[in-house]
Amino acid sequence: MAFSIRLTEEEKKLATSYAKLNSLSLGEAFKKALFEKIEEECDIVITEEAFKKYIDNGKKSRPFSELKKELELWYIPQTQHQNLIKNLRN
C-alpha cells in the first residue's frame, strides 16, 4: 500500500535528516516511526490495564525507598563501586 504525506519544508528536512542518520529511505523511516509509536501506545495501554487489575485485586504500590529498606539494599555511586572493586582485588 502506498500513500502520500504533505510536509512543510522544515518537517521534510527533519524527516530526511532522521532517515539519513539511521541509514533508511524516507519511506522506511516513516514506517519505522509509525510502528514504534503504535507499539509504544499498545505498551502503555497494556501497562495501565495490568496496573488497574493489580489495584482492583487489593494490591497496593509503595515507594521504592520502602522496598530498599525491607530488602536492606543500598546504593553505591559508580565511582565508589569501581574503587571498592579495585580495593577488593588488591
Protein backbone atom coordinates (compact mmCIF):
# COMPACT_ATOMS: atom_id res chain seq x y z
CA MET A 1 0.00 0.00 0.00
CA ALA A 2 1.33 3.43 -0.87
CA PHE A 3 0.29 6.81 0.46
CA SER A 4 1.50 10.39 0.47
CA ILE A 5 2.08 12.84 3.28
CA ARG A 6 2.19 16.61 2.97
CA LEU A 7 5.13 18.08 4.86
CA THR A 8 6.40 21.58 5.38
CA GLU A 9 9.98 22.19 4.26
CA GLU A 10 11.06 22.13 7.91
CA GLU A 11 9.31 18.78 8.51
CA LYS A 12 10.83 17.33 5.33
CA LYS A 13 14.33 18.41 6.37
CA LEU A 14 13.87 16.84 9.78
CA ALA A 15 12.48 13.59 8.36
CA THR A 16 15.23 13.38 5.72
CA SER A 17 17.89 14.03 8.34
CA TYR A 18 16.46 11.29 10.58
CA ALA A 19 16.35 8.84 7.66
CA LYS A 20 19.97 9.56 6.69
CA LEU A 21 21.13 9.30 10.30
CA ASN A 22 19.57 5.83 10.53
CA SER A 23 20.59 4.73 7.00
CA LEU A 24 16.95 4.40 5.93
CA SER A 25 14.95 5.57 2.98
CA LEU A 26 12.40 8.22 3.78
CA GLY A 27 9.60 5.66 3.42
CA GLU A 28 11.37 3.21 5.74
CA ALA A 29 11.92 5.96 8.29
CA PHE A 30 8.22 6.85 8.36
CA LYS A 31 7.22 3.19 8.55
CA LYS A 32 9.66 2.57 11.41
CA ALA A 33 8.48 5.65 13.32
CA LEU A 34 4.82 4.77 12.81
CA PHE A 35 5.14 1.22 14.08
CA GLU A 36 7.35 2.24 17.02
CA LYS A 37 4.66 4.76 18.03
CA ILE A 38 1.91 2.13 17.70
CA GLU A 39 3.94 -0.34 19.79
CA GLU A 40 4.62 2.32 22.43
CA GLU A 41 0.93 3.19 22.75
CA CYS A 42 -0.03 -0.50 22.96
CA ASP A 43 2.54 -0.98 25.74
CA ILE A 44 1.03 1.95 27.65
CA VAL A 45 -2.50 0.51 27.38
CA ILE A 46 -1.31 -2.95 28.48
CA THR A 47 0.59 -1.44 31.42
CA GLU A 48 -2.39 0.65 32.53
CA GLU A 49 -4.71 -2.37 32.31
CA ALA A 50 -2.29 -4.53 34.30
CA PHE A 51 -1.90 -1.86 36.98
CA LYS A 52 -5.69 -1.43 37.23
CA LYS A 53 -6.08 -5.19 37.66
CA TYR A 54 -3.32 -5.14 40.30
CA ILE A 55 -5.11 -2.39 42.27
CA ASP A 56 -8.57 -3.95 41.76
CA ASN A 57 -7.25 -7.17 43.31
CA GLY A 58 -6.44 -5.28 46.50
CA LYS A 59 -2.72 -4.83 45.87
CA LYS A 60 -1.01 -1.63 46.88
CA SER A 61 2.05 0.02 45.47
CA ARG A 62 4.64 1.60 47.72
CA PRO A 63 7.69 3.78 47.35
CA PHE A 64 10.89 2.13 46.15
CA SER A 65 12.64 3.53 49.24
CA GLU A 66 10.48 1.24 51.43
CA LEU A 67 11.39 -1.79 49.34
CA LYS A 68 15.10 -0.92 49.60
CA LYS A 69 14.80 -0.76 53.40
CA GLU A 70 12.90 -4.04 53.53
CA LEU A 71 15.48 -5.82 51.38
CA GLU A 72 18.37 -3.97 53.01
CA LEU A 73 19.55 -2.63 49.67
CA TRP A 74 21.82 0.36 49.37
CA TYR A 75 23.22 2.40 46.55
CA ILE A 76 26.89 2.90 45.75
CA PRO A 77 27.71 5.56 43.13
CA GLN A 78 29.58 4.14 40.10
CA THR A 79 32.92 5.76 41.01
CA GLN A 80 32.78 4.40 44.56
CA HIS A 81 31.76 1.00 43.20
CA GLN A 82 34.82 0.90 40.92
CA ASN A 83 37.12 1.87 43.81
CA LEU A 84 35.55 -0.80 46.02
CA ILE A 85 36.18 -3.46 43.36
CA LYS A 86 39.81 -2.32 42.97
CA ASN A 87 40.35 -2.48 46.72
CA LEU A 88 38.84 -5.95 46.95
CA ARG A 89 41.15 -7.21 44.19
CA ASN A 90 44.30 -5.86 45.91
